[in-house]
């Protein structure tokens, strides 16, 4: 096999996998595509080992997340992207080991932040409750 043959075979394989829509070993999930080992998920695409997630794409080992993309090991996150090992993030991107962050980008090991700024617990919940309504974000 030479380089050209390899590249052609690789493109064909990638194309056939992208066209796949069936789920593997999922339980009680609905309207999902290309998911594996998920339970009780709805309208997810390419999720792996996720549970109770809704409209998530390419997430793994997440639970109770909604409209997240590319997250790993997250729980109760909403509209977040590429976050890892975090919980209760809303509209956050690239956060790792964070909890209760809203609109944060690239934080690591932080809690109760809004737009990368720290808040005390009480203020955080007062501000984010209002923001959730104004931004029409449904969890």
N, C-alpha and C. Protein backbone atom coordinates (compact mmCIF):
# COMPACT_ATOMS: atom_id res chain seq x y z
N UNK A 1 0.85 -1.17 0.00
CA UNK A 1 0.00 0.00 0.00
C UNK A 1 0.90 1.23 0.00
N UNK A 2 0.60 2.15 -0.88
CA UNK A 2 1.37 3.39 -0.92
C UNK A 2 0.56 4.53 -0.29
N UNK A 3 1.14 5.71 -0.29
CA UNK A 3 0.49 6.87 0.35
C UNK A 3 -0.86 7.18 -0.28
N UNK A 4 -0.95 7.20 -1.60
CA UNK A 4 -2.20 7.53 -2.29
C UNK A 4 -3.30 6.51 -1.96
N UNK A 5 -2.93 5.23 -1.94
CA UNK A 5 -3.91 4.19 -1.61
C UNK A 5 -4.38 4.33 -0.15
N UNK A 6 -3.42 4.61 0.72
CA UNK A 6 -3.79 4.81 2.12
C UNK A 6 -4.74 5.98 2.29
N UNK A 7 -4.40 7.11 1.69
CA UNK A 7 -5.23 8.32 1.81
C UNK A 7 -6.63 8.08 1.25
N UNK A 8 -6.75 7.40 0.13
CA UNK A 8 -8.05 7.12 -0.47
C UNK A 8 -8.87 6.20 0.44
N UNK A 9 -8.24 5.18 0.97
CA UNK A 9 -8.94 4.25 1.86
C UNK A 9 -9.35 4.94 3.15
N UNK A 10 -8.48 5.79 3.66
CA UNK A 10 -8.79 6.53 4.88
C UNK A 10 -9.97 7.48 4.68
N UNK A 11 -9.98 8.23 3.58
CA UNK A 11 -11.11 9.13 3.27
C UNK A 11 -12.41 8.35 3.14
N UNK A 12 -12.35 7.19 2.49
CA UNK A 12 -13.54 6.35 2.33
C UNK A 12 -14.05 5.87 3.69
N UNK A 13 -13.14 5.43 4.55
CA UNK A 13 -13.52 4.96 5.87
C UNK A 13 -14.13 6.10 6.70
N UNK A 14 -13.50 7.26 6.69
CA UNK A 14 -14.02 8.41 7.44
C UNK A 14 -15.39 8.83 6.92
N UNK A 15 -15.56 8.81 5.62
CA UNK A 15 -16.83 9.18 5.02
C UNK A 15 -17.93 8.20 5.41
N UNK A 16 -17.62 6.91 5.41
CA UNK A 16 -18.64 5.92 5.76
C UNK A 16 -19.02 6.02 7.23
N UNK A 17 -18.07 6.34 8.09
CA UNK A 17 -18.37 6.50 9.52
C UNK A 17 -19.21 7.75 9.75
N UNK A 18 -18.94 8.82 9.03
CA UNK A 18 -19.70 10.06 9.18
C UNK A 18 -21.14 9.88 8.75
N UNK A 19 -21.37 8.99 7.81
CA UNK A 19 -22.73 8.75 7.30
C UNK A 19 -23.54 7.84 8.22
N UNK A 20 -22.88 7.19 9.15
CA UNK A 20 -23.54 6.26 10.07
C UNK A 20 -24.45 7.04 11.02
N UNK A 21 -25.64 6.52 11.28
CA UNK A 21 -26.57 7.18 12.19
C UNK A 21 -27.02 6.29 13.34
N UNK A 22 -26.76 4.99 13.28
CA UNK A 22 -27.27 4.08 14.32
C UNK A 22 -26.54 4.29 15.64
N UNK A 23 -27.24 3.95 16.71
CA UNK A 23 -26.70 4.01 18.06
C UNK A 23 -26.25 2.60 18.46
N UNK A 24 -25.28 2.52 19.36
CA UNK A 24 -24.77 1.24 19.81
C UNK A 24 -24.92 1.15 21.33
N UNK A 25 -25.62 0.14 21.78
CA UNK A 25 -25.79 -0.16 23.21
C UNK A 25 -26.40 0.98 24.01
N UNK A 26 -27.30 1.75 23.41
CA UNK A 26 -27.99 2.82 24.13
C UNK A 26 -29.30 2.28 24.71
N UNK A 27 -29.69 2.81 25.85
CA UNK A 27 -30.92 2.36 26.51
C UNK A 27 -31.84 3.56 26.72
N UNK A 28 -33.07 3.44 26.26
CA UNK A 28 -34.11 4.43 26.48
C UNK A 28 -33.72 5.83 26.02
N UNK A 29 -32.95 5.93 24.96
CA UNK A 29 -32.61 7.22 24.37
C UNK A 29 -33.49 7.45 23.16
N UNK A 30 -33.79 8.72 22.86
CA UNK A 30 -34.69 8.98 21.73
C UNK A 30 -34.11 10.02 20.78
N UNK A 31 -34.31 9.78 19.50
CA UNK A 31 -33.88 10.68 18.43
C UNK A 31 -32.38 11.00 18.47
N UNK A 32 -31.58 10.06 18.92
CA UNK A 32 -30.12 10.23 18.96
C UNK A 32 -29.49 9.59 17.74
N UNK A 33 -28.28 10.05 17.38
CA UNK A 33 -27.55 9.49 16.24
C UNK A 33 -26.10 9.27 16.64
N UNK A 34 -25.54 8.14 16.21
CA UNK A 34 -24.14 7.79 16.43
C UNK A 34 -23.72 7.83 17.90
N UNK A 35 -24.61 7.50 18.79
CA UNK A 35 -24.29 7.48 20.22
C UNK A 35 -23.94 6.06 20.66
N UNK A 36 -23.11 5.96 21.69
CA UNK A 36 -22.68 4.67 22.21
C UNK A 36 -22.81 4.63 23.73
N UNK A 37 -23.43 3.58 24.23
CA UNK A 37 -23.55 3.33 25.66
C UNK A 37 -24.20 4.48 26.43
N UNK A 38 -25.17 5.15 25.84
CA UNK A 38 -25.88 6.25 26.49
C UNK A 38 -27.21 5.76 27.05
N UNK A 39 -27.69 6.42 28.09
CA UNK A 39 -29.00 6.09 28.65
C UNK A 39 -29.82 7.36 28.86
N UNK A 40 -31.08 7.27 28.48
CA UNK A 40 -32.06 8.33 28.70
C UNK A 40 -31.66 9.68 28.09
N UNK A 41 -30.96 9.66 26.97
CA UNK A 41 -30.58 10.89 26.27
C UNK A 41 -31.62 11.21 25.19
N UNK A 42 -31.69 12.47 24.80
CA UNK A 42 -32.62 12.90 23.77
C UNK A 42 -31.91 13.80 22.75
N UNK A 43 -32.07 13.48 21.49
CA UNK A 43 -31.58 14.29 20.38
C UNK A 43 -30.07 14.60 20.46
N UNK A 44 -29.29 13.65 20.93
CA UNK A 44 -27.84 13.80 20.98
C UNK A 44 -27.20 13.22 19.72
N UNK A 45 -26.01 13.70 19.39
CA UNK A 45 -25.28 13.21 18.23
C UNK A 45 -23.84 12.90 18.65
N UNK A 46 -23.43 11.67 18.42
CA UNK A 46 -22.04 11.28 18.68
C UNK A 46 -21.65 11.27 20.15
N UNK A 47 -22.60 11.08 21.04
CA UNK A 47 -22.31 11.04 22.48
C UNK A 47 -21.85 9.64 22.88
N UNK A 48 -20.99 9.58 23.89
CA UNK A 48 -20.47 8.31 24.40
C UNK A 48 -20.61 8.26 25.91
N UNK A 49 -21.24 7.21 26.41
CA UNK A 49 -21.41 7.00 27.85
C UNK A 49 -22.03 8.21 28.55
N UNK A 50 -22.99 8.85 27.92
CA UNK A 50 -23.70 9.99 28.52
C UNK A 50 -25.04 9.54 29.06
N UNK A 51 -25.54 10.26 30.04
CA UNK A 51 -26.79 9.88 30.69
C UNK A 51 -27.65 11.12 30.93
N UNK A 52 -28.89 11.04 30.54
CA UNK A 52 -29.87 12.12 30.73
C UNK A 52 -29.45 13.43 30.06
N UNK A 53 -28.74 13.37 28.96
CA UNK A 53 -28.33 14.57 28.24
C UNK A 53 -29.34 14.89 27.14
N UNK A 54 -29.45 16.17 26.80
CA UNK A 54 -30.39 16.62 25.78
C UNK A 54 -29.67 17.50 24.77
N UNK A 55 -29.77 17.13 23.51
CA UNK A 55 -29.21 17.90 22.39
C UNK A 55 -27.72 18.18 22.53
N UNK A 56 -26.98 17.22 23.03
CA UNK A 56 -25.52 17.35 23.14
C UNK A 56 -24.85 16.71 21.92
N UNK A 57 -23.69 17.22 21.56
CA UNK A 57 -22.96 16.75 20.40
C UNK A 57 -21.52 16.41 20.77
N UNK A 58 -21.10 15.20 20.43
CA UNK A 58 -19.72 14.75 20.63
C UNK A 58 -19.25 14.89 22.08
N UNK A 59 -20.12 14.64 23.03
CA UNK A 59 -19.76 14.66 24.45
C UNK A 59 -19.50 13.23 24.93
N UNK A 60 -18.68 13.09 25.96
CA UNK A 60 -18.38 11.78 26.54
C UNK A 60 -18.43 11.85 28.06
N UNK A 61 -18.99 10.81 28.65
CA UNK A 61 -19.03 10.66 30.10
C UNK A 61 -19.69 11.84 30.80
N UNK A 62 -20.72 12.40 30.20
CA UNK A 62 -21.46 13.53 30.77
C UNK A 62 -22.82 13.06 31.27
N UNK A 63 -23.39 13.82 32.19
CA UNK A 63 -24.75 13.52 32.63
C UNK A 63 -25.51 14.81 32.89
N UNK A 64 -26.80 14.77 32.56
CA UNK A 64 -27.72 15.89 32.79
C UNK A 64 -27.25 17.19 32.13
N UNK A 65 -26.59 17.11 30.99
CA UNK A 65 -26.16 18.30 30.26
C UNK A 65 -27.16 18.62 29.14
N UNK A 66 -27.22 19.88 28.75
CA UNK A 66 -28.16 20.32 27.72
C UNK A 66 -27.44 21.20 26.70
N UNK A 67 -27.56 20.85 25.44
CA UNK A 67 -27.00 21.61 24.32
C UNK A 67 -25.50 21.90 24.48
N UNK A 68 -24.74 20.92 24.91
CA UNK A 68 -23.28 21.06 25.04
C UNK A 68 -22.59 20.40 23.86
N UNK A 69 -21.37 20.82 23.59
CA UNK A 69 -20.60 20.28 22.48
C UNK A 69 -19.17 19.96 22.93
N UNK A 70 -18.74 18.75 22.69
CA UNK A 70 -17.36 18.36 22.94
C UNK A 70 -16.95 18.36 24.40
N UNK A 71 -17.88 18.18 25.31
CA UNK A 71 -17.55 18.17 26.74
C UNK A 71 -17.17 16.75 27.19
N UNK A 72 -16.38 16.67 28.23
CA UNK A 72 -15.90 15.39 28.75
C UNK A 72 -16.03 15.37 30.27
N UNK A 73 -16.79 14.42 30.78
CA UNK A 73 -16.92 14.25 32.22
C UNK A 73 -17.59 15.41 32.92
N UNK A 74 -18.56 16.02 32.28
CA UNK A 74 -19.28 17.16 32.87
C UNK A 74 -20.66 16.73 33.33
N UNK A 75 -21.22 17.51 34.24
CA UNK A 75 -22.56 17.24 34.72
C UNK A 75 -23.33 18.54 34.92
N UNK A 76 -24.59 18.52 34.56
CA UNK A 76 -25.50 19.66 34.71
C UNK A 76 -24.99 20.93 34.02
N UNK A 77 -24.36 20.80 32.87
CA UNK A 77 -23.87 21.96 32.12
C UNK A 77 -24.88 22.31 31.02
N UNK A 78 -24.91 23.58 30.63
CA UNK A 78 -25.85 24.07 29.63
C UNK A 78 -25.10 24.92 28.61
N UNK A 79 -25.30 24.61 27.35
CA UNK A 79 -24.75 25.39 26.23
C UNK A 79 -23.26 25.67 26.40
N UNK A 80 -22.52 24.68 26.82
CA UNK A 80 -21.08 24.84 27.01
C UNK A 80 -20.31 24.01 25.99
N UNK A 81 -19.06 24.39 25.74
CA UNK A 81 -18.25 23.74 24.72
C UNK A 81 -16.86 23.39 25.25
N UNK A 82 -16.40 22.20 24.90
CA UNK A 82 -15.04 21.75 25.17
C UNK A 82 -14.64 21.91 26.64
N UNK A 83 -15.55 21.65 27.55
CA UNK A 83 -15.25 21.72 28.98
C UNK A 83 -14.98 20.31 29.50
N UNK A 84 -14.17 20.21 30.55
CA UNK A 84 -13.80 18.91 31.12
C UNK A 84 -13.98 18.90 32.63
N UNK A 85 -14.47 17.79 33.14
CA UNK A 85 -14.54 17.54 34.58
C UNK A 85 -15.16 18.71 35.34
N UNK A 86 -16.25 19.23 34.85
CA UNK A 86 -16.87 20.41 35.45
C UNK A 86 -18.36 20.17 35.69
N UNK A 87 -18.95 21.05 36.50
CA UNK A 87 -20.37 20.92 36.81
C UNK A 87 -21.03 22.29 36.90
N UNK A 88 -22.27 22.34 36.47
CA UNK A 88 -23.11 23.54 36.54
C UNK A 88 -22.50 24.73 35.81
N UNK A 89 -21.98 24.48 34.62
CA UNK A 89 -21.49 25.56 33.77
C UNK A 89 -22.60 25.99 32.83
N UNK A 90 -22.66 27.27 32.52
CA UNK A 90 -23.62 27.78 31.55
C UNK A 90 -22.86 28.64 30.55
N UNK A 91 -23.05 28.36 29.29
CA UNK A 91 -22.43 29.10 28.19
C UNK A 91 -20.94 29.36 28.42
N UNK A 92 -20.25 28.32 28.81
CA UNK A 92 -18.82 28.41 29.06
C UNK A 92 -18.05 27.60 28.03
N UNK A 93 -16.79 27.98 27.81
CA UNK A 93 -15.97 27.34 26.79
C UNK A 93 -14.59 27.02 27.36
N UNK A 94 -14.16 25.79 27.19
CA UNK A 94 -12.80 25.39 27.53
C UNK A 94 -12.46 25.45 29.01
N UNK A 95 -13.42 25.26 29.86
CA UNK A 95 -13.17 25.27 31.31
C UNK A 95 -12.85 23.85 31.79
N UNK A 96 -11.96 23.76 32.78
CA UNK A 96 -11.54 22.46 33.32
C UNK A 96 -11.66 22.49 34.84
N UNK A 97 -12.29 21.47 35.39
CA UNK A 97 -12.44 21.33 36.84
C UNK A 97 -13.07 22.57 37.48
N UNK A 98 -14.11 23.08 36.86
CA UNK A 98 -14.81 24.26 37.37
C UNK A 98 -16.22 23.89 37.79
N UNK A 99 -16.79 24.68 38.69
CA UNK A 99 -18.16 24.51 39.14
C UNK A 99 -18.84 25.87 39.22
N UNK A 100 -20.07 25.92 38.78
CA UNK A 100 -20.87 27.14 38.83
C UNK A 100 -20.16 28.32 38.16
N UNK A 101 -19.95 28.18 36.86
CA UNK A 101 -19.38 29.26 36.06
C UNK A 101 -20.37 29.62 34.95
N UNK A 102 -20.51 30.90 34.67
CA UNK A 102 -21.48 31.39 33.70
C UNK A 102 -20.75 32.29 32.71
N UNK A 103 -20.74 31.90 31.45
CA UNK A 103 -20.10 32.71 30.42
C UNK A 103 -18.59 32.80 30.59
N UNK A 104 -17.99 31.77 31.09
CA UNK A 104 -16.54 31.79 31.33
C UNK A 104 -15.79 31.09 30.20
N UNK A 105 -14.55 31.50 30.02
CA UNK A 105 -13.71 30.93 28.96
C UNK A 105 -12.33 30.61 29.52
N UNK A 106 -11.93 29.34 29.37
CA UNK A 106 -10.57 28.94 29.68
C UNK A 106 -10.18 28.89 31.14
N UNK A 107 -11.14 28.82 32.03
CA UNK A 107 -10.80 28.76 33.46
C UNK A 107 -10.41 27.35 33.87
N UNK A 108 -9.62 27.25 34.93
CA UNK A 108 -9.23 25.95 35.47
C UNK A 108 -9.37 25.99 36.99
N UNK A 109 -10.16 25.06 37.53
CA UNK A 109 -10.29 24.94 38.97
C UNK A 109 -10.95 26.13 39.66
N UNK A 110 -11.93 26.73 39.03
CA UNK A 110 -12.59 27.90 39.60
C UNK A 110 -14.05 27.58 39.92
N UNK A 111 -14.61 28.28 40.88
CA UNK A 111 -16.01 28.15 41.26
C UNK A 111 -16.64 29.53 41.36
N UNK A 112 -17.92 29.62 41.05
CA UNK A 112 -18.72 30.83 41.18
C UNK A 112 -18.10 32.03 40.45
N UNK A 113 -17.95 31.87 39.13
CA UNK A 113 -17.43 32.94 38.28
C UNK A 113 -18.46 33.31 37.21
N UNK A 114 -18.50 34.57 36.87
CA UNK A 114 -19.31 35.06 35.76
C UNK A 114 -18.38 35.86 34.86
N UNK A 115 -18.33 35.50 33.59
CA UNK A 115 -17.42 36.15 32.64
C UNK A 115 -15.99 36.24 33.19
N UNK A 116 -15.54 35.13 33.77
CA UNK A 116 -14.19 34.95 34.32
C UNK A 116 -13.92 35.81 35.57
N UNK A 117 -14.93 36.42 36.15
CA UNK A 117 -14.76 37.21 37.36
C UNK A 117 -15.38 36.47 38.55
N UNK A 118 -14.69 36.44 39.70
CA UNK A 118 -15.21 35.71 40.86
C UNK A 118 -16.36 36.46 41.55
N UNK A 119 -17.30 35.69 42.09
CA UNK A 119 -18.42 36.23 42.86
C UNK A 119 -18.62 35.37 44.08
N UNK A 120 -19.18 35.96 45.14
CA UNK A 120 -19.55 35.12 46.27
C UNK A 120 -20.78 34.32 45.86
N UNK A 121 -21.04 33.24 46.57
CA UNK A 121 -22.10 32.30 46.22
C UNK A 121 -23.46 32.99 46.08
N UNK A 122 -23.82 33.80 47.03
CA UNK A 122 -25.13 34.46 47.01
C UNK A 122 -25.27 35.38 45.79
N UNK A 123 -24.28 36.21 45.54
CA UNK A 123 -24.33 37.12 44.39
C UNK A 123 -24.36 36.35 43.08
N UNK A 124 -23.59 35.26 43.02
CA UNK A 124 -23.58 34.45 41.80
C UNK A 124 -24.99 33.99 41.44
N UNK A 125 -25.70 33.42 42.39
CA UNK A 125 -27.04 32.90 42.10
C UNK A 125 -28.04 34.02 41.81
N UNK A 126 -27.92 35.15 42.45
CA UNK A 126 -28.82 36.28 42.17
C UNK A 126 -28.62 36.77 40.74
N UNK A 127 -27.38 36.93 40.33
CA UNK A 127 -27.07 37.46 38.99
C UNK A 127 -27.43 36.44 37.91
N UNK A 128 -27.05 35.19 38.12
CA UNK A 128 -27.28 34.19 37.07
C UNK A 128 -28.76 33.85 36.91
N UNK A 129 -29.53 33.93 37.97
CA UNK A 129 -30.97 33.69 37.84
C UNK A 129 -31.59 34.74 36.90
N UNK A 130 -31.19 35.96 37.09
CA UNK A 130 -31.68 37.05 36.22
C UNK A 130 -31.18 36.87 34.78
N UNK A 131 -29.90 36.55 34.64
CA UNK A 131 -29.33 36.36 33.31
C UNK A 131 -29.99 35.21 32.55
N UNK A 132 -30.26 34.12 33.24
CA UNK A 132 -30.92 32.97 32.60
C UNK A 132 -32.25 33.40 32.00
N UNK A 133 -33.00 34.20 32.70
CA UNK A 133 -34.29 34.67 32.19
C UNK A 133 -34.10 35.62 31.02
N UNK A 134 -33.22 36.59 31.16
CA UNK A 134 -33.01 37.59 30.11
C UNK A 134 -32.43 36.98 28.84
N UNK A 135 -31.54 36.01 29.00
CA UNK A 135 -30.94 35.35 27.84
C UNK A 135 -31.79 34.20 27.30
N UNK A 136 -32.90 33.93 27.99
CA UNK A 136 -33.81 32.85 27.61
C UNK A 136 -33.09 31.51 27.49
N UNK A 137 -32.31 31.22 28.49
CA UNK A 137 -31.60 29.95 28.54
C UNK A 137 -32.40 28.99 29.40
N UNK A 138 -32.81 27.91 28.80
CA UNK A 138 -33.55 26.88 29.54
C UNK A 138 -32.60 25.75 29.87
N UNK A 139 -32.56 25.40 31.12
CA UNK A 139 -31.65 24.34 31.55
C UNK A 139 -32.18 22.97 31.25
